[in-house]
């Protein structure tokens, strides 16, 4: 039985959706950032990074969203969440998810996690001021060159889709008008029609 640690509103939503899409037997445990539960001794024994998502498997612990999504796709191939029989196409899935992890998420994090890169309040303000620009640029690239439609990889739904959807939910708060991104907007609307997404959103809001 898999166990996912998550916090609502974080990138862990992508892994949660993927588990449900895959039909994977799993449980979830919600952490509370407000009480700093992610840095509790108990949780740090599980994930020393003090972040989410964390997926506990029968072989050990996995962290980092691209890794967890790839694991889910490969462990439950019947769900067809990645082109597992084509090394090049699977690498393209990994490239898309790596971009979300290494660039888009980092852009977003500059709004509220400036202390990871600087110590001066003026630096924090500069970083916050750039978020709408960097997020708009990243999503502009996704809109123009990376999102094939209707799903990220084209006609086939993959683990890229819940990840993109998750980060798309941050756009309003980051000062990016999704109306300027018609393909991304259509993708978000299509995701919200999927039963797995509806189920997970309801569970995380409970």
N, C-alpha and C. Protein backbone atom coordinates (compact mmCIF):
# COMPACT_ATOMS: atom_id res chain seq x y z
N UNK A 1 0.84 -1.19 0.00
CA UNK A 1 0.00 0.00 0.00
C UNK A 1 0.88 1.25 0.00
N UNK A 2 0.65 2.13 -0.94
CA UNK A 2 1.40 3.37 -1.02
C UNK A 2 0.81 4.40 -0.06
N UNK A 3 1.67 5.30 0.42
CA UNK A 3 1.20 6.37 1.29
C UNK A 3 1.77 7.69 0.82
N UNK A 4 0.89 8.65 0.56
CA UNK A 4 1.31 9.96 0.08
C UNK A 4 1.12 11.00 1.17
N UNK A 5 2.18 11.73 1.45
CA UNK A 5 2.11 12.89 2.35
C UNK A 5 1.94 14.14 1.48
N UNK A 6 1.00 14.99 1.84
CA UNK A 6 0.70 16.16 1.03
C UNK A 6 0.27 17.33 1.89
N UNK A 7 0.24 18.49 1.27
CA UNK A 7 -0.34 19.70 1.85
C UNK A 7 -1.23 20.31 0.77
N UNK A 8 -2.46 20.66 1.08
CA UNK A 8 -3.32 21.29 0.07
C UNK A 8 -2.70 22.56 -0.50
N UNK A 9 -2.89 22.76 -1.80
CA UNK A 9 -2.36 23.95 -2.45
C UNK A 9 -0.93 23.83 -2.92
N UNK A 10 -0.31 22.68 -2.70
CA UNK A 10 1.07 22.47 -3.12
C UNK A 10 1.14 21.58 -4.35
N UNK A 11 2.35 21.38 -4.85
CA UNK A 11 2.54 20.54 -6.02
C UNK A 11 2.21 19.08 -5.75
N UNK A 12 2.02 18.71 -4.50
CA UNK A 12 1.65 17.34 -4.17
C UNK A 12 0.31 16.95 -4.77
N UNK A 13 -0.48 17.94 -5.15
CA UNK A 13 -1.76 17.65 -5.79
C UNK A 13 -1.57 16.79 -7.04
N UNK A 14 -0.52 17.03 -7.79
CA UNK A 14 -0.28 16.26 -9.02
C UNK A 14 -0.11 14.78 -8.74
N UNK A 15 0.66 14.45 -7.73
CA UNK A 15 0.88 13.04 -7.38
C UNK A 15 -0.40 12.40 -6.86
N UNK A 16 -1.17 13.16 -6.10
CA UNK A 16 -2.44 12.65 -5.57
C UNK A 16 -3.39 12.31 -6.72
N UNK A 17 -3.50 13.21 -7.69
CA UNK A 17 -4.36 12.95 -8.83
C UNK A 17 -3.86 11.73 -9.61
N UNK A 18 -2.56 11.65 -9.82
CA UNK A 18 -2.00 10.53 -10.58
C UNK A 18 -2.28 9.19 -9.90
N UNK A 19 -2.20 9.15 -8.59
CA UNK A 19 -2.50 7.91 -7.88
C UNK A 19 -3.93 7.48 -8.12
N UNK A 20 -4.85 8.43 -8.08
CA UNK A 20 -6.27 8.10 -8.31
C UNK A 20 -6.49 7.71 -9.77
N UNK A 21 -5.88 8.43 -10.69
CA UNK A 21 -6.01 8.09 -12.11
C UNK A 21 -5.50 6.68 -12.38
N UNK A 22 -4.43 6.30 -11.69
CA UNK A 22 -3.82 4.98 -11.90
C UNK A 22 -4.60 3.86 -11.23
N UNK A 23 -5.53 4.20 -10.37
CA UNK A 23 -6.23 3.17 -9.60
C UNK A 23 -5.31 2.51 -8.59
N UNK A 24 -4.33 3.26 -8.11
CA UNK A 24 -3.32 2.71 -7.19
C UNK A 24 -3.85 2.62 -5.77
N UNK A 25 -3.75 1.46 -5.13
CA UNK A 25 -4.12 1.38 -3.71
C UNK A 25 -3.21 2.31 -2.91
N UNK A 26 -3.80 3.21 -2.15
CA UNK A 26 -2.98 4.18 -1.43
C UNK A 26 -3.76 4.80 -0.29
N UNK A 27 -3.01 5.38 0.62
CA UNK A 27 -3.58 6.23 1.66
C UNK A 27 -2.88 7.58 1.56
N UNK A 28 -3.47 8.59 2.19
CA UNK A 28 -2.85 9.91 2.19
C UNK A 28 -2.82 10.45 3.61
N UNK A 29 -1.83 11.28 3.85
CA UNK A 29 -1.75 11.97 5.14
C UNK A 29 -1.44 13.44 4.90
N UNK A 30 -2.30 14.28 5.44
CA UNK A 30 -2.16 15.72 5.27
C UNK A 30 -1.23 16.29 6.34
N UNK A 31 -0.29 17.11 5.89
CA UNK A 31 0.57 17.85 6.81
C UNK A 31 0.07 19.28 6.92
N UNK A 32 0.50 19.95 7.97
CA UNK A 32 0.08 21.32 8.22
C UNK A 32 1.30 22.23 8.22
N UNK A 33 1.44 23.03 7.16
CA UNK A 33 2.57 23.97 7.10
C UNK A 33 2.47 25.04 8.18
N UNK A 34 1.26 25.38 8.58
CA UNK A 34 1.08 26.46 9.56
C UNK A 34 1.70 26.10 10.90
N UNK A 35 1.72 24.83 11.22
CA UNK A 35 2.34 24.39 12.47
C UNK A 35 3.74 23.82 12.25
N UNK A 36 4.25 24.03 11.01
CA UNK A 36 5.60 23.59 10.66
C UNK A 36 5.75 22.06 10.79
N UNK A 37 4.68 21.35 10.52
CA UNK A 37 4.71 19.90 10.68
C UNK A 37 5.71 19.24 9.73
N UNK A 38 5.98 19.91 8.60
CA UNK A 38 6.92 19.33 7.64
C UNK A 38 8.33 19.27 8.19
N UNK A 39 8.60 20.05 9.24
CA UNK A 39 9.93 20.04 9.86
C UNK A 39 9.93 19.36 11.22
N UNK A 40 8.88 18.64 11.51
CA UNK A 40 8.84 17.90 12.77
C UNK A 40 9.84 16.74 12.71
N UNK A 41 10.37 16.33 13.85
CA UNK A 41 11.31 15.21 13.85
C UNK A 41 10.72 13.95 13.23
N UNK A 42 9.43 13.73 13.46
CA UNK A 42 8.79 12.53 12.93
C UNK A 42 8.78 12.53 11.40
N UNK A 43 8.44 13.70 10.82
CA UNK A 43 8.37 13.75 9.36
C UNK A 43 9.76 13.79 8.74
N UNK A 44 10.69 14.47 9.37
CA UNK A 44 12.04 14.54 8.82
C UNK A 44 12.71 13.17 8.78
N UNK A 45 12.27 12.26 9.60
CA UNK A 45 12.78 10.89 9.51
C UNK A 45 12.31 10.22 8.22
N UNK A 46 11.16 10.65 7.73
CA UNK A 46 10.61 10.09 6.50
C UNK A 46 11.18 10.83 5.29
N UNK A 47 11.18 12.15 5.36
CA UNK A 47 11.70 12.98 4.27
C UNK A 47 12.57 14.08 4.87
N UNK A 48 13.87 13.91 4.87
CA UNK A 48 14.78 14.90 5.47
C UNK A 48 14.73 16.26 4.79
N UNK A 49 14.14 16.33 3.59
CA UNK A 49 14.03 17.62 2.90
C UNK A 49 12.98 18.51 3.55
N UNK A 50 12.07 17.92 4.29
CA UNK A 50 11.02 18.70 4.94
C UNK A 50 10.05 19.32 3.96
N UNK A 51 9.75 18.61 2.88
CA UNK A 51 8.84 19.12 1.86
C UNK A 51 7.86 18.03 1.45
N UNK A 52 6.91 18.43 0.62
CA UNK A 52 5.97 17.49 0.02
C UNK A 52 6.05 17.66 -1.50
N UNK A 53 5.67 16.61 -2.24
CA UNK A 53 5.10 15.34 -1.80
C UNK A 53 6.18 14.36 -1.35
N UNK A 54 5.73 13.40 -0.56
CA UNK A 54 6.54 12.24 -0.20
C UNK A 54 5.68 11.01 -0.43
N UNK A 55 6.23 10.04 -1.14
CA UNK A 55 5.51 8.79 -1.38
C UNK A 55 6.27 7.65 -0.73
N UNK A 56 5.61 7.00 0.20
CA UNK A 56 6.20 5.84 0.87
C UNK A 56 5.76 4.59 0.13
N UNK A 57 6.74 3.81 -0.33
CA UNK A 57 6.48 2.57 -1.05
C UNK A 57 7.03 1.40 -0.25
N UNK A 58 6.77 0.19 -0.74
CA UNK A 58 7.29 -0.99 -0.03
C UNK A 58 8.79 -1.15 -0.22
N UNK A 59 9.40 -0.35 -1.08
CA UNK A 59 10.84 -0.40 -1.30
C UNK A 59 11.57 0.79 -0.72
N UNK A 60 10.82 1.74 -0.18
CA UNK A 60 11.44 2.92 0.39
C UNK A 60 10.66 4.17 0.04
N UNK A 61 11.28 5.31 0.28
CA UNK A 61 10.61 6.60 0.14
C UNK A 61 11.06 7.29 -1.15
N UNK A 62 10.09 7.88 -1.85
CA UNK A 62 10.38 8.68 -3.03
C UNK A 62 9.96 10.13 -2.76
N UNK A 63 10.77 11.05 -3.24
CA UNK A 63 10.44 12.48 -3.18
C UNK A 63 10.63 13.07 -4.57
N UNK A 64 10.20 14.32 -4.74
CA UNK A 64 10.27 15.08 -5.98
C UNK A 64 9.18 14.62 -6.95
N UNK A 65 8.36 15.57 -7.35
CA UNK A 65 7.19 15.26 -8.17
C UNK A 65 7.51 14.51 -9.46
N UNK A 66 8.49 14.91 -10.26
CA UNK A 66 8.75 14.14 -11.49
C UNK A 66 9.07 12.68 -11.21
N UNK A 67 9.83 12.42 -10.15
CA UNK A 67 10.18 11.06 -9.79
C UNK A 67 8.95 10.25 -9.38
N UNK A 68 8.11 10.85 -8.56
CA UNK A 68 6.91 10.17 -8.09
C UNK A 68 5.96 9.89 -9.25
N UNK A 69 5.78 10.86 -10.13
CA UNK A 69 4.89 10.66 -11.27
C UNK A 69 5.40 9.56 -12.19
N UNK A 70 6.70 9.53 -12.44
CA UNK A 70 7.28 8.47 -13.27
C UNK A 70 7.08 7.11 -12.62
N UNK A 71 7.27 7.06 -11.32
CA UNK A 71 7.08 5.80 -10.59
C UNK A 71 5.64 5.30 -10.71
N UNK A 72 4.69 6.20 -10.54
CA UNK A 72 3.28 5.81 -10.64
C UNK A 72 2.98 5.29 -12.04
N UNK A 73 3.45 6.00 -13.05
CA UNK A 73 3.19 5.58 -14.43
C UNK A 73 3.80 4.21 -14.72
N UNK A 74 4.99 3.97 -14.22
CA UNK A 74 5.67 2.70 -14.50
C UNK A 74 5.15 1.54 -13.65
N UNK A 75 4.68 1.85 -12.45
CA UNK A 75 4.19 0.80 -11.56
C UNK A 75 2.79 0.35 -11.94
N UNK A 76 2.04 1.23 -12.57
CA UNK A 76 0.66 0.91 -12.97
C UNK A 76 0.51 1.14 -14.48
N UNK A 77 1.22 0.31 -15.28
CA UNK A 77 1.23 0.55 -16.73
C UNK A 77 -0.15 0.42 -17.37
N UNK A 78 -1.04 -0.34 -16.73
CA UNK A 78 -2.37 -0.52 -17.31
C UNK A 78 -3.14 0.80 -17.38
N UNK A 79 -2.74 1.78 -16.57
CA UNK A 79 -3.41 3.08 -16.59
C UNK A 79 -2.97 3.93 -17.78
N UNK A 80 -1.87 3.55 -18.42
CA UNK A 80 -1.37 4.25 -19.61
C UNK A 80 -1.17 5.75 -19.35
N UNK A 81 -0.44 6.05 -18.29
CA UNK A 81 -0.17 7.43 -17.92
C UNK A 81 1.15 7.96 -18.48
N UNK A 82 1.82 7.14 -19.29
CA UNK A 82 3.05 7.56 -19.95
C UNK A 82 3.33 6.57 -21.08
N UNK A 83 4.05 7.02 -22.12
CA UNK A 83 4.40 6.14 -23.24
C UNK A 83 5.59 5.25 -22.88
N UNK A 84 5.34 4.24 -22.09
CA UNK A 84 6.42 3.44 -21.50
C UNK A 84 7.15 2.58 -22.51
N UNK A 85 6.55 2.32 -23.65
CA UNK A 85 7.19 1.47 -24.65
C UNK A 85 8.03 2.25 -25.66
N UNK A 86 8.17 3.54 -25.44
CA UNK A 86 8.94 4.38 -26.34
C UNK A 86 9.86 5.26 -25.52
N UNK A 87 11.15 4.93 -25.53
CA UNK A 87 12.10 5.63 -24.67
C UNK A 87 12.16 7.12 -24.97
N UNK A 88 12.08 7.50 -26.24
CA UNK A 88 12.16 8.91 -26.59
C UNK A 88 10.94 9.66 -26.11
N UNK A 89 9.74 9.10 -26.31
CA UNK A 89 8.52 9.76 -25.87
C UNK A 89 8.44 9.84 -24.35
N UNK A 90 8.93 8.79 -23.68
CA UNK A 90 8.94 8.84 -22.22
C UNK A 90 9.91 9.92 -21.73
N UNK A 91 11.02 10.08 -22.44
CA UNK A 91 11.98 11.14 -22.09
C UNK A 91 11.34 12.51 -22.28
N UNK A 92 10.46 12.66 -23.27
CA UNK A 92 9.78 13.93 -23.49
C UNK A 92 8.83 14.24 -22.33
N UNK A 93 8.18 13.22 -21.83
CA UNK A 93 7.34 13.39 -20.63
C UNK A 93 8.20 13.88 -19.48
N UNK A 94 9.34 13.25 -19.30
CA UNK A 94 10.25 13.64 -18.22
C UNK A 94 10.78 15.06 -18.42
N UNK A 95 11.03 15.43 -19.66
CA UNK A 95 11.53 16.79 -19.93
C UNK A 95 10.49 17.83 -19.56
N UNK A 96 9.22 17.57 -19.91
CA UNK A 96 8.17 18.52 -19.58
C UNK A 96 8.03 18.66 -18.06
N UNK A 97 7.97 17.53 -17.37
CA UNK A 97 7.81 17.58 -15.92
C UNK A 97 9.03 18.18 -15.23
N UNK A 98 10.20 17.97 -15.79
CA UNK A 98 11.41 18.57 -15.22
C UNK A 98 11.38 20.08 -15.37
N UNK A 99 10.85 20.57 -16.48
CA UNK A 99 10.73 22.02 -16.67
C UNK A 99 9.78 22.62 -15.64
N UNK A 100 8.65 21.94 -15.40
CA UNK A 100 7.72 22.44 -14.38
C UNK A 100 8.41 22.48 -13.01
N UNK A 101 9.20 21.46 -12.72
CA UNK A 101 9.84 21.36 -11.40
C UNK A 101 10.98 22.35 -11.24
N UNK A 102 11.85 22.42 -12.24
CA UNK A 102 13.09 23.18 -12.09
C UNK A 102 12.95 24.66 -12.42
N UNK A 103 11.96 25.02 -13.23
CA UNK A 103 11.82 26.41 -13.66
C UNK A 103 10.52 27.04 -13.20
N UNK A 104 9.39 26.45 -13.57
CA UNK A 104 8.10 27.08 -13.26
C UNK A 104 7.88 27.13 -11.76
N UNK A 105 8.09 26.02 -11.07
CA UNK A 105 7.87 26.00 -9.62
C UNK A 105 8.82 26.96 -8.91
N UNK A 106 10.04 27.02 -9.38
CA UNK A 106 11.02 27.92 -8.76
C UNK A 106 10.61 29.37 -8.97
N UNK A 107 10.10 29.69 -10.16
CA UNK A 107 9.59 31.05 -10.39
C UNK A 107 8.52 31.40 -9.36
N UNK A 108 7.58 30.49 -9.19
CA UNK A 108 6.48 30.70 -8.24
C UNK A 108 7.01 30.86 -6.81
N UNK A 109 8.00 30.07 -6.46
CA UNK A 109 8.51 30.08 -5.09
C UNK A 109 9.15 31.40 -4.70
N UNK A 110 9.58 32.18 -5.66
CA UNK A 110 10.19 33.47 -5.35
C UNK A 110 9.19 34.43 -4.71
N UNK A 111 7.90 34.16 -4.83
CA UNK A 111 6.91 35.04 -4.23
C UNK A 111 6.88 34.92 -2.72
N UNK A 112 6.94 33.69 -2.21
CA UNK A 112 6.81 33.50 -0.77
C UNK A 112 7.96 32.78 -0.11
N UNK A 113 8.96 32.41 -0.88
CA UNK A 113 10.09 31.66 -0.33
C UNK A 113 11.41 32.35 -0.63
N UNK A 114 11.38 33.68 -0.67
CA UNK A 114 12.59 34.42 -1.01
C UNK A 114 13.75 34.16 -0.07
N UNK A 115 13.43 33.74 1.15
CA UNK A 115 14.48 33.47 2.14
C UNK A 115 15.38 32.32 1.72
N UNK A 116 14.97 31.57 0.72
CA UNK A 116 15.83 30.49 0.24
C UNK A 116 17.03 31.03 -0.54
N UNK A 117 16.91 32.26 -1.04
CA UNK A 117 17.95 32.82 -1.91
C UNK A 117 18.56 34.11 -1.40
N UNK A 118 17.93 34.75 -0.41
CA UNK A 118 18.43 36.06 0.04
C UNK A 118 18.06 36.28 1.51
N UNK A 119 18.61 37.36 2.07
CA UNK A 119 18.33 37.68 3.47
C UNK A 119 17.74 39.08 3.65
N UNK A 120 17.84 39.94 2.65
CA UNK A 120 17.37 41.31 2.78
C UNK A 120 15.92 41.45 2.32
N UNK A 121 15.15 42.25 3.08
CA UNK A 121 13.76 42.47 2.71
C UNK A 121 13.62 43.11 1.33
N UNK A 122 14.55 43.97 0.97
CA UNK A 122 14.49 44.58 -0.36
C UNK A 122 14.64 43.53 -1.45
N UNK A 123 15.44 42.53 -1.19
CA UNK A 123 15.60 41.44 -2.15
C UNK A 123 14.31 40.64 -2.29
N UNK A 124 13.63 40.42 -1.16
CA UNK A 124 12.35 39.70 -1.20
C UNK A 124 11.35 40.46 -2.07
N UNK A 125 11.31 41.78 -1.91
CA UNK A 125 10.38 42.60 -2.69
C UNK A 125 10.69 42.51 -4.18
N UNK A 126 11.97 42.53 -4.52
CA UNK A 126 12.36 42.42 -5.92
C UNK A 126 11.92 41.07 -6.49
N UNK A 127 12.12 40.02 -5.72
CA UNK A 127 11.75 38.69 -6.19
C UNK A 127 10.24 38.59 -6.40
N UNK A 128 9.47 39.10 -5.44
CA UNK A 128 8.01 39.08 -5.57
C UNK A 128 7.55 39.84 -6.80
N UNK A 129 8.21 40.95 -7.07
CA UNK A 129 7.83 41.79 -8.20
C UNK A 129 8.07 41.09 -9.54
N UNK A 130 8.98 40.16 -9.55
CA UNK A 130 9.31 39.47 -10.79
C UNK A 130 8.42 38.26 -11.07
N UNK A 131 7.69 37.79 -10.08
CA UNK A 131 6.96 36.53 -10.23
C UNK A 131 5.96 36.57 -11.37
N UNK A 132 5.19 37.63 -11.47
CA UNK A 132 4.19 37.69 -12.54
C UNK A 132 4.87 37.64 -13.91
N UNK A 133 6.04 38.24 -14.02
CA UNK A 133 6.75 38.26 -15.30
C UNK A 133 7.34 36.88 -15.63
N UNK A 134 7.98 36.27 -14.63
CA UNK A 134 8.62 34.98 -14.91
C UNK A 134 7.58 33.88 -15.12
N UNK A 135 6.49 33.92 -14.35
CA UNK A 135 5.44 32.92 -14.55
C UNK A 135 4.76 33.12 -15.89
N UNK A 136 4.52 34.37 -16.27
CA UNK A 136 3.91 34.64 -17.58
C UNK A 136 4.82 34.16 -18.70
N UNK A 137 6.10 34.37 -18.55
CA UNK A 137 7.04 33.93 -19.58
C UNK A 137 7.07 32.41 -19.68
N UNK A 138 7.11 31.73 -18.54
CA UNK A 138 7.14 30.27 -18.55
C UNK A 138 5.87 29.69 -19.16
N UNK A 139 4.73 30.23 -18.75
CA UNK A 139 3.48 29.71 -19.30
C UNK A 139 3.28 30.14 -20.74
N UNK A 140 3.87 31.26 -21.13
CA UNK A 140 3.83 31.64 -22.53
C UNK A 140 4.55 30.62 -23.39
N UNK A 141 5.70 30.15 -22.90
CA UNK A 141 6.45 29.10 -23.60
C UNK A 141 5.64 27.81 -23.67
N UNK A 142 5.01 27.44 -22.55
CA UNK A 142 4.18 26.24 -22.54
C UNK A 142 3.04 26.37 -23.53
N UNK A 143 2.37 27.50 -23.51
CA UNK A 143 1.25 27.76 -24.43
C UNK A 143 1.70 27.65 -25.89
N UNK A 144 2.82 28.24 -26.19
CA UNK A 144 3.26 28.35 -27.58
C UNK A 144 3.92 27.08 -28.12
N UNK A 145 4.75 26.45 -27.31
CA UNK A 145 5.62 25.39 -27.84
C UNK A 145 5.53 24.03 -27.16
N UNK A 146 4.89 23.93 -26.00
CA UNK A 146 5.00 22.68 -25.25
C UNK A 146 3.68 21.95 -25.06
N UNK A 147 2.60 22.66 -24.95
CA UNK A 147 1.28 22.05 -24.75
C UNK A 147 0.66 21.76 -26.11
N UNK A 148 0.64 20.47 -26.48
CA UNK A 148 0.15 20.11 -27.80
C UNK A 148 -1.36 20.26 -27.91
N UNK A 149 -2.08 19.84 -26.89
CA UNK A 149 -3.53 19.88 -26.88
C UNK A 149 -4.14 18.64 -27.52
N UNK A 150 -5.24 18.14 -27.00
CA UNK A 150 -5.91 18.71 -25.82
C UNK A 150 -5.13 18.46 -24.53
N UNK A 151 -4.30 17.40 -24.53
CA UNK A 151 -3.45 17.11 -23.38
C UNK A 151 -2.03 17.55 -23.68
N UNK A 152 -1.19 17.55 -22.70
CA UNK A 152 0.17 18.06 -22.88
C UNK A 152 0.88 17.36 -24.03
N UNK A 153 0.79 16.03 -24.07
CA UNK A 153 1.50 15.26 -25.08
C UNK A 153 0.68 15.05 -26.35
N UNK A 154 -0.51 15.61 -26.39
CA UNK A 154 -1.36 15.43 -27.57
C UNK A 154 -2.67 14.75 -27.21
N UNK A 155 -2.98 13.68 -27.91
CA UNK A 155 -4.25 13.00 -27.69
C UNK A 155 -4.26 12.14 -26.44
N UNK A 156 -3.09 11.75 -25.96
CA UNK A 156 -3.01 10.83 -24.81
C UNK A 156 -2.78 11.59 -23.51
N UNK A 157 -3.60 11.30 -22.53
CA UNK A 157 -3.45 11.85 -21.18
C UNK A 157 -2.26 11.18 -20.51
N UNK A 158 -1.40 11.96 -19.88
CA UNK A 158 -0.22 11.42 -19.21
C UNK A 158 -0.05 12.08 -17.84
N UNK A 159 0.99 11.67 -17.14
CA UNK A 159 1.29 12.27 -15.84
C UNK A 159 1.72 13.73 -15.96
N UNK A 160 1.97 14.20 -17.17
CA UNK A 160 2.24 15.63 -17.36
C UNK A 160 1.00 16.46 -17.06
N UNK A 161 -0.16 15.91 -17.30
CA UNK A 161 -1.39 16.70 -17.21
C UNK A 161 -1.76 17.10 -15.79
N UNK A 162 -1.76 16.20 -14.81
CA UNK A 162 -2.04 16.68 -13.46
C UNK A 162 -0.98 17.63 -12.93
N UNK A 163 0.25 17.49 -13.40
CA UNK A 163 1.31 18.40 -12.94
C UNK A 163 1.10 19.80 -13.51
N UNK A 164 0.83 19.87 -14.82
CA UNK A 164 0.55 21.18 -15.41
C UNK A 164 -0.68 21.80 -14.76
N UNK A 165 -1.71 21.02 -14.57
CA UNK A 165 -2.94 21.53 -13.96
C UNK A 165 -2.65 22.13 -12.59
N UNK A 166 -1.87 21.44 -11.79
CA UNK A 166 -1.54 21.90 -10.44
C UNK A 166 -0.88 23.27 -10.46
N UNK A 167 0.10 23.45 -11.34
CA UNK A 167 0.80 24.72 -11.39
C UNK A 167 -0.05 25.81 -12.03
N UNK A 168 -0.97 25.41 -12.91
CA UNK A 168 -1.89 26.37 -13.50
C UNK A 168 -2.78 27.01 -12.43
N UNK A 169 -3.09 26.26 -11.39
CA UNK A 169 -3.93 26.79 -10.31
C UNK A 169 -3.25 27.94 -9.57
N UNK A 170 -1.96 28.09 -9.73
CA UNK A 170 -1.24 29.16 -9.05
C UNK A 170 -1.24 30.47 -9.82
N UNK A 171 -1.69 30.45 -11.07
CA UNK A 171 -1.53 31.62 -11.93
C UNK A 171 -2.24 32.85 -11.40
N UNK A 172 -3.48 32.70 -10.97
CA UNK A 172 -4.22 33.87 -10.48
C UNK A 172 -3.47 34.57 -9.35
N UNK A 173 -3.00 33.77 -8.38
CA UNK A 173 -2.28 34.34 -7.25
C UNK A 173 -0.93 34.92 -7.62
N UNK A 174 -0.42 34.50 -8.78
CA UNK A 174 0.87 35.01 -9.24
C UNK A 174 0.74 36.18 -10.20
N UNK A 175 -0.50 36.63 -10.40
CA UNK A 175 -0.71 37.81 -11.23
C UNK A 175 -0.68 37.55 -12.72
N UNK A 176 -1.01 36.33 -13.12
CA UNK A 176 -1.04 35.99 -14.55
C UNK A 176 -2.49 35.72 -14.95
N UNK A 177 -2.98 36.41 -15.96
CA UNK A 177 -4.34 36.25 -16.44
C UNK A 177 -4.41 35.04 -17.36
N UNK A 178 -5.07 33.97 -16.92
CA UNK A 178 -5.13 32.75 -17.72
C UNK A 178 -5.87 32.96 -19.03
N UNK A 179 -6.67 34.02 -19.11
CA UNK A 179 -7.38 34.31 -20.36
C UNK A 179 -6.41 34.62 -21.50
N UNK A 180 -5.19 34.99 -21.17
CA UNK A 180 -4.18 35.25 -22.20
C UNK A 180 -3.52 33.97 -22.68
N UNK A 181 -3.91 32.84 -22.08
CA UNK A 181 -3.33 31.53 -22.39
C UNK A 181 -4.45 30.57 -22.75
N UNK A 182 -5.04 30.69 -23.93
CA UNK A 182 -6.24 29.92 -24.26
C UNK A 182 -6.06 28.41 -24.21
N UNK A 183 -4.91 27.90 -24.63
CA UNK A 183 -4.70 26.45 -24.58
C UNK A 183 -4.56 25.97 -23.14
N UNK A 184 -3.85 26.74 -22.33
CA UNK A 184 -3.70 26.39 -20.92
C UNK A 184 -5.05 26.46 -20.22
N UNK A 185 -5.84 27.47 -20.54
CA UNK A 185 -7.17 27.61 -19.94
C UNK A 185 -8.06 26.45 -20.32
N UNK A 186 -8.02 26.03 -21.57
CA UNK A 186 -8.82 24.90 -22.02
C UNK A 186 -8.36 23.61 -21.34
N UNK A 187 -7.06 23.49 -21.14
CA UNK A 187 -6.53 22.31 -20.46
C UNK A 187 -7.03 22.25 -19.03
N UNK A 188 -7.00 23.37 -18.33
CA UNK A 188 -7.48 23.39 -16.95
C UNK A 188 -8.95 23.01 -16.88
N UNK A 189 -9.74 23.53 -17.81
CA UNK A 189 -11.17 23.21 -17.83
C UNK A 189 -11.38 21.73 -18.09
N UNK A 190 -10.60 21.15 -19.00
CA UNK A 190 -10.73 19.71 -19.30
C UNK A 190 -10.33 18.87 -18.10
N UNK A 191 -9.29 19.28 -17.40
CA UNK A 191 -8.86 18.55 -16.21
C UNK A 191 -9.96 18.54 -15.16
N UNK A 192 -10.64 19.64 -15.00
CA UNK A 192 -11.65 19.75 -13.94
C UNK A 192 -12.91 18.96 -14.25
N UNK A 193 -12.99 18.39 -15.45
CA UNK A 193 -14.08 17.50 -15.79
C UNK A 193 -13.76 16.05 -15.49
N UNK A 194 -12.52 15.76 -15.17
CA UNK A 194 -12.11 14.37 -14.93
C UNK A 194 -12.53 13.94 -13.52
N UNK A 195 -13.14 12.77 -13.40
CA UNK A 195 -13.59 12.29 -12.08
C UNK A 195 -12.47 12.22 -11.06
N UNK A 196 -11.28 11.81 -11.48
CA UNK A 196 -10.16 11.70 -10.52
C UNK A 196 -9.81 13.06 -9.94
N UNK A 197 -9.83 14.08 -10.77
CA UNK A 197 -9.51 15.43 -10.30
C UNK A 197 -10.58 15.92 -9.33
N UNK A 198 -11.82 15.70 -9.67
CA UNK A 198 -12.92 16.11 -8.81
C UNK A 198 -12.85 15.40 -7.46
N UNK A 199 -12.51 14.12 -7.51
CA UNK A 199 -12.41 13.33 -6.27
C UNK A 199 -11.30 13.85 -5.36
N UNK A 200 -10.14 14.12 -5.95
CA UNK A 200 -9.00 14.57 -5.16
C UNK A 200 -9.23 15.97 -4.62
N UNK A 201 -9.78 16.87 -5.43
CA UNK A 201 -10.04 18.22 -4.95
C UNK A 201 -11.01 18.20 -3.78
N UNK A 202 -12.03 17.35 -3.86
CA UNK A 202 -12.99 17.25 -2.77
C UNK A 202 -12.32 16.70 -1.51
N UNK A 203 -11.45 15.72 -1.70
CA UNK A 203 -10.76 15.11 -0.55
C UNK A 203 -9.82 16.10 0.12
N UNK A 204 -9.10 16.89 -0.69
CA UNK A 204 -8.14 17.82 -0.11
C UNK A 204 -8.82 19.02 0.55
N UNK A 205 -10.04 19.30 0.14
CA UNK A 205 -10.78 20.40 0.76
C UNK A 205 -11.51 19.97 2.03
N UNK A 206 -11.67 18.67 2.22
CA UNK A 206 -12.45 18.16 3.35
C UNK A 206 -11.77 18.49 4.68
